[in-house]
Amino acid sequence: MAILQVRDIDDRLYASLKQKAQKENRSISQEVISILEKYLANPNRIKENPTMEFLNLSWEDDREADEIIKELRTSRRNKQSFGDFDGLLN
């Protein structure tokens, strides 16, 4: 089995990793392996250039901006999201 050694890891990153490992009842090494396995198991998560992917998104609509805004405003409902809850949220 191969051995991987990581040097000069940021203290905050190491503390977060240690905390996550403790939460999962794993050693730090086991946690690193788990994270790597999950990440590499889904090759679609790794994008070559996420910024360009975002910039290439487009929305096509023949209406003017004012028409779209009017539709959005008329589709909104004025409703109270939260009830009284016996004063818990007041």
N, C-alpha and C. Protein backbone atom coordinates (compact mmCIF):
# COMPACT_ATOMS: atom_id res chain seq x y z
N MET A 1 0.84 -1.17 0.00
CA MET A 1 0.00 0.00 0.00
C MET A 1 0.89 1.24 0.00
N ALA A 2 0.53 2.25 -0.73
CA ALA A 2 1.33 3.47 -0.85
C ALA A 2 1.23 4.33 0.41
N ILE A 3 2.23 5.16 0.59
CA ILE A 3 2.27 6.10 1.71
C ILE A 3 2.29 7.51 1.13
N LEU A 4 1.44 8.36 1.67
CA LEU A 4 1.38 9.75 1.23
C LEU A 4 1.68 10.63 2.43
N GLN A 5 2.63 11.54 2.27
CA GLN A 5 2.99 12.46 3.34
C GLN A 5 2.73 13.87 2.84
N VAL A 6 2.05 14.67 3.65
CA VAL A 6 1.74 16.05 3.28
C VAL A 6 2.46 16.97 4.26
N ARG A 7 3.19 17.92 3.73
CA ARG A 7 3.95 18.85 4.58
C ARG A 7 3.39 20.25 4.45
N ASP A 8 3.70 21.05 5.44
CA ASP A 8 3.36 22.49 5.44
C ASP A 8 1.87 22.74 5.29
N ILE A 9 1.06 21.96 5.95
CA ILE A 9 -0.38 22.17 5.90
C ILE A 9 -0.75 23.30 6.86
N ASP A 10 -1.63 24.16 6.45
CA ASP A 10 -2.07 25.29 7.25
C ASP A 10 -2.67 24.80 8.57
N ASP A 11 -2.37 25.49 9.66
CA ASP A 11 -2.85 25.07 10.98
C ASP A 11 -4.38 25.04 11.06
N ARG A 12 -5.04 26.01 10.44
CA ARG A 12 -6.51 26.03 10.47
C ARG A 12 -7.09 24.87 9.69
N LEU A 13 -6.50 24.56 8.56
CA LEU A 13 -6.96 23.43 7.77
C LEU A 13 -6.77 22.13 8.54
N TYR A 14 -5.62 21.99 9.19
CA TYR A 14 -5.34 20.79 9.97
C TYR A 14 -6.33 20.66 11.13
N ALA A 15 -6.61 21.77 11.79
CA ALA A 15 -7.57 21.75 12.91
C ALA A 15 -8.96 21.34 12.43
N SER A 16 -9.37 21.85 11.27
CA SER A 16 -10.67 21.48 10.70
C SER A 16 -10.70 20.00 10.34
N LEU A 17 -9.64 19.53 9.76
CA LEU A 17 -9.54 18.12 9.39
C LEU A 17 -9.58 17.24 10.63
N LYS A 18 -8.87 17.64 11.66
CA LYS A 18 -8.84 16.88 12.91
C LYS A 18 -10.23 16.84 13.55
N GLN A 19 -10.92 17.98 13.54
CA GLN A 19 -12.27 18.06 14.11
C GLN A 19 -13.24 17.16 13.33
N LYS A 20 -13.15 17.20 12.01
CA LYS A 20 -14.03 16.36 11.18
C LYS A 20 -13.73 14.88 11.41
N ALA A 21 -12.46 14.53 11.54
CA ALA A 21 -12.08 13.14 11.79
C ALA A 21 -12.64 12.67 13.14
N GLN A 22 -12.53 13.50 14.16
CA GLN A 22 -13.06 13.13 15.47
C GLN A 22 -14.57 12.96 15.41
N LYS A 23 -15.23 13.84 14.70
CA LYS A 23 -16.70 13.76 14.55
C LYS A 23 -17.12 12.46 13.88
N GLU A 24 -16.31 11.97 12.94
CA GLU A 24 -16.61 10.75 12.20
C GLU A 24 -15.98 9.51 12.84
N ASN A 25 -15.35 9.70 14.01
CA ASN A 25 -14.66 8.60 14.71
C ASN A 25 -13.61 7.92 13.83
N ARG A 26 -12.81 8.75 13.19
CA ARG A 26 -11.74 8.26 12.32
C ARG A 26 -10.43 8.90 12.73
N SER A 27 -9.35 8.29 12.30
CA SER A 27 -8.06 8.95 12.43
C SER A 27 -7.98 10.02 11.34
N ILE A 28 -7.03 10.91 11.48
CA ILE A 28 -6.87 11.95 10.46
C ILE A 28 -6.53 11.32 9.11
N SER A 29 -5.69 10.29 9.12
CA SER A 29 -5.34 9.61 7.86
C SER A 29 -6.58 8.98 7.21
N GLN A 30 -7.41 8.34 8.03
CA GLN A 30 -8.62 7.72 7.50
C GLN A 30 -9.57 8.78 6.93
N GLU A 31 -9.63 9.93 7.60
CA GLU A 31 -10.50 11.01 7.12
C GLU A 31 -10.01 11.57 5.79
N VAL A 32 -8.70 11.74 5.66
CA VAL A 32 -8.14 12.23 4.40
C VAL A 32 -8.45 11.26 3.27
N ILE A 33 -8.30 9.97 3.52
CA ILE A 33 -8.60 8.96 2.51
C ILE A 33 -10.07 9.01 2.13
N SER A 34 -10.95 9.15 3.12
CA SER A 34 -12.39 9.23 2.86
C SER A 34 -12.73 10.44 1.99
N ILE A 35 -12.15 11.58 2.32
CA ILE A 35 -12.40 12.80 1.55
C ILE A 35 -11.91 12.65 0.11
N LEU A 36 -10.72 12.11 -0.05
CA LEU A 36 -10.18 11.90 -1.40
C LEU A 36 -11.03 10.93 -2.21
N GLU A 37 -11.45 9.83 -1.58
CA GLU A 37 -12.29 8.85 -2.28
C GLU A 37 -13.60 9.47 -2.75
N LYS A 38 -14.25 10.24 -1.87
CA LYS A 38 -15.52 10.88 -2.23
C LYS A 38 -15.32 11.89 -3.36
N TYR A 39 -14.26 12.65 -3.27
CA TYR A 39 -14.02 13.68 -4.28
C TYR A 39 -13.69 13.07 -5.64
N LEU A 40 -12.84 12.07 -5.65
CA LEU A 40 -12.40 11.48 -6.91
C LEU A 40 -13.41 10.50 -7.50
N ALA A 41 -14.39 10.07 -6.71
CA ALA A 41 -15.41 9.15 -7.22
C ALA A 41 -16.35 9.83 -8.20
N ASN A 42 -16.41 11.14 -8.18
CA ASN A 42 -17.30 11.87 -9.07
C ASN A 42 -16.48 12.78 -9.98
N PRO A 43 -16.05 12.28 -11.13
CA PRO A 43 -15.19 13.09 -12.01
C PRO A 43 -15.89 14.33 -12.56
N ASN A 44 -17.22 14.35 -12.55
CA ASN A 44 -17.94 15.53 -13.06
C ASN A 44 -17.81 16.73 -12.13
N ARG A 45 -17.39 16.50 -10.88
CA ARG A 45 -17.22 17.61 -9.95
C ARG A 45 -16.00 18.46 -10.33
N ILE A 46 -15.05 17.84 -10.96
CA ILE A 46 -13.82 18.54 -11.31
C ILE A 46 -14.03 19.24 -12.65
N LYS A 47 -14.10 20.55 -12.60
CA LYS A 47 -14.32 21.34 -13.81
C LYS A 47 -12.99 21.95 -14.24
N GLU A 48 -12.78 22.04 -15.53
CA GLU A 48 -11.54 22.61 -16.01
C GLU A 48 -11.45 24.10 -15.71
N ASN A 49 -12.54 24.81 -15.93
CA ASN A 49 -12.54 26.23 -15.64
C ASN A 49 -13.95 26.65 -15.23
N PRO A 50 -14.27 26.60 -13.95
CA PRO A 50 -15.62 26.93 -13.49
C PRO A 50 -16.04 28.35 -13.83
N THR A 51 -15.11 29.28 -13.86
CA THR A 51 -15.45 30.67 -14.19
C THR A 51 -15.96 30.77 -15.61
N MET A 52 -15.28 30.13 -16.55
CA MET A 52 -15.73 30.19 -17.93
C MET A 52 -17.07 29.45 -18.10
N GLU A 53 -17.24 28.37 -17.38
CA GLU A 53 -18.51 27.65 -17.44
C GLU A 53 -19.65 28.55 -16.99
N PHE A 54 -19.43 29.30 -15.92
CA PHE A 54 -20.45 30.23 -15.43
C PHE A 54 -20.72 31.34 -16.45
N LEU A 55 -19.65 31.90 -17.00
CA LEU A 55 -19.82 33.00 -17.94
C LEU A 55 -20.50 32.57 -19.24
N ASN A 56 -20.43 31.29 -19.57
CA ASN A 56 -21.08 30.79 -20.78
C ASN A 56 -22.56 30.50 -20.60
N LEU A 57 -23.05 30.59 -19.37
CA LEU A 57 -24.49 30.41 -19.16
C LEU A 57 -25.22 31.58 -19.78
N SER A 58 -26.37 31.32 -20.33
CA SER A 58 -27.14 32.42 -20.93
C SER A 58 -28.62 32.20 -20.69
N TRP A 59 -29.36 33.28 -20.80
CA TRP A 59 -30.80 33.24 -20.63
C TRP A 59 -31.39 33.95 -21.84
N GLU A 60 -32.18 33.23 -22.58
CA GLU A 60 -32.78 33.81 -23.77
C GLU A 60 -34.25 34.11 -23.51
N ASP A 61 -34.63 35.35 -23.76
CA ASP A 61 -36.02 35.77 -23.58
C ASP A 61 -36.24 36.96 -24.51
N ASP A 62 -37.31 36.94 -25.28
CA ASP A 62 -37.57 38.00 -26.25
C ASP A 62 -38.20 39.24 -25.62
N ARG A 63 -38.63 39.12 -24.36
CA ARG A 63 -39.30 40.25 -23.72
C ARG A 63 -38.29 41.30 -23.25
N GLU A 64 -38.80 42.51 -23.08
CA GLU A 64 -37.99 43.59 -22.52
C GLU A 64 -37.86 43.37 -21.01
N ALA A 65 -36.83 43.98 -20.44
CA ALA A 65 -36.58 43.83 -19.00
C ALA A 65 -37.77 44.28 -18.17
N ASP A 66 -38.43 45.38 -18.59
CA ASP A 66 -39.58 45.89 -17.84
C ASP A 66 -40.71 44.86 -17.78
N GLU A 67 -40.92 44.14 -18.87
CA GLU A 67 -41.96 43.11 -18.90
C GLU A 67 -41.63 41.96 -17.93
N ILE A 68 -40.39 41.57 -17.92
CA ILE A 68 -39.97 40.48 -17.04
C ILE A 68 -40.11 40.89 -15.58
N ILE A 69 -39.70 42.12 -15.27
CA ILE A 69 -39.80 42.62 -13.90
C ILE A 69 -41.26 42.69 -13.47
N LYS A 70 -42.12 43.16 -14.35
CA LYS A 70 -43.55 43.24 -14.03
C LYS A 70 -44.12 41.85 -13.75
N GLU A 71 -43.73 40.87 -14.55
CA GLU A 71 -44.20 39.50 -14.34
C GLU A 71 -43.73 38.97 -12.98
N LEU A 72 -42.48 39.22 -12.67
CA LEU A 72 -41.95 38.77 -11.38
C LEU A 72 -42.71 39.40 -10.21
N ARG A 73 -42.96 40.69 -10.31
CA ARG A 73 -43.66 41.39 -9.21
C ARG A 73 -45.10 40.92 -9.06
N THR A 74 -45.78 40.68 -10.16
CA THR A 74 -47.17 40.24 -10.06
C THR A 74 -47.28 38.79 -9.60
N SER A 75 -46.25 38.01 -9.80
CA SER A 75 -46.30 36.61 -9.38
C SER A 75 -45.99 36.44 -7.90
N ARG A 76 -45.45 37.47 -7.27
CA ARG A 76 -45.15 37.39 -5.84
C ARG A 76 -46.43 37.47 -5.03
N ARG A 77 -46.38 36.80 -3.93
CA ARG A 77 -47.54 36.82 -3.03
C ARG A 77 -47.12 37.49 -1.73
N ASN A 78 -48.01 38.29 -1.20
CA ASN A 78 -47.76 38.89 0.10
C ASN A 78 -48.34 37.97 1.15
N LYS A 79 -47.49 37.16 1.71
CA LYS A 79 -47.95 36.25 2.75
C LYS A 79 -46.93 36.26 3.87
N GLN A 80 -47.43 35.95 5.04
CA GLN A 80 -46.55 35.90 6.20
C GLN A 80 -45.93 34.51 6.24
N SER A 81 -44.60 34.46 6.24
CA SER A 81 -43.91 33.18 6.21
C SER A 81 -44.00 32.45 7.53
N PHE A 82 -44.01 33.21 8.63
CA PHE A 82 -44.00 32.60 9.94
C PHE A 82 -45.25 33.00 10.70
N GLY A 83 -45.79 32.07 11.42
CA GLY A 83 -46.94 32.36 12.27
C GLY A 83 -46.49 32.99 13.57
N ASP A 84 -47.37 33.02 14.54
CA ASP A 84 -47.09 33.66 15.81
C ASP A 84 -46.10 32.87 16.65
N PHE A 85 -46.22 31.55 16.67
CA PHE A 85 -45.33 30.68 17.43
C PHE A 85 -45.22 31.10 18.90
N ASP A 86 -46.29 31.60 19.45
CA ASP A 86 -46.33 31.99 20.86
C ASP A 86 -45.23 32.98 21.22
N GLY A 87 -44.93 33.88 20.33
CA GLY A 87 -43.94 34.92 20.60
C GLY A 87 -42.49 34.50 20.52
N LEU A 88 -42.21 33.29 20.03
CA LEU A 88 -40.83 32.80 19.98
C LEU A 88 -39.97 33.61 19.03
N LEU A 89 -40.54 34.12 17.96
CA LEU A 89 -39.75 34.84 16.97
C LEU A 89 -39.85 36.35 17.12
N ASN A 90 -40.57 36.81 18.10
CA ASN A 90 -40.74 38.27 18.30
C ASN A 90 -39.67 38.82 19.20
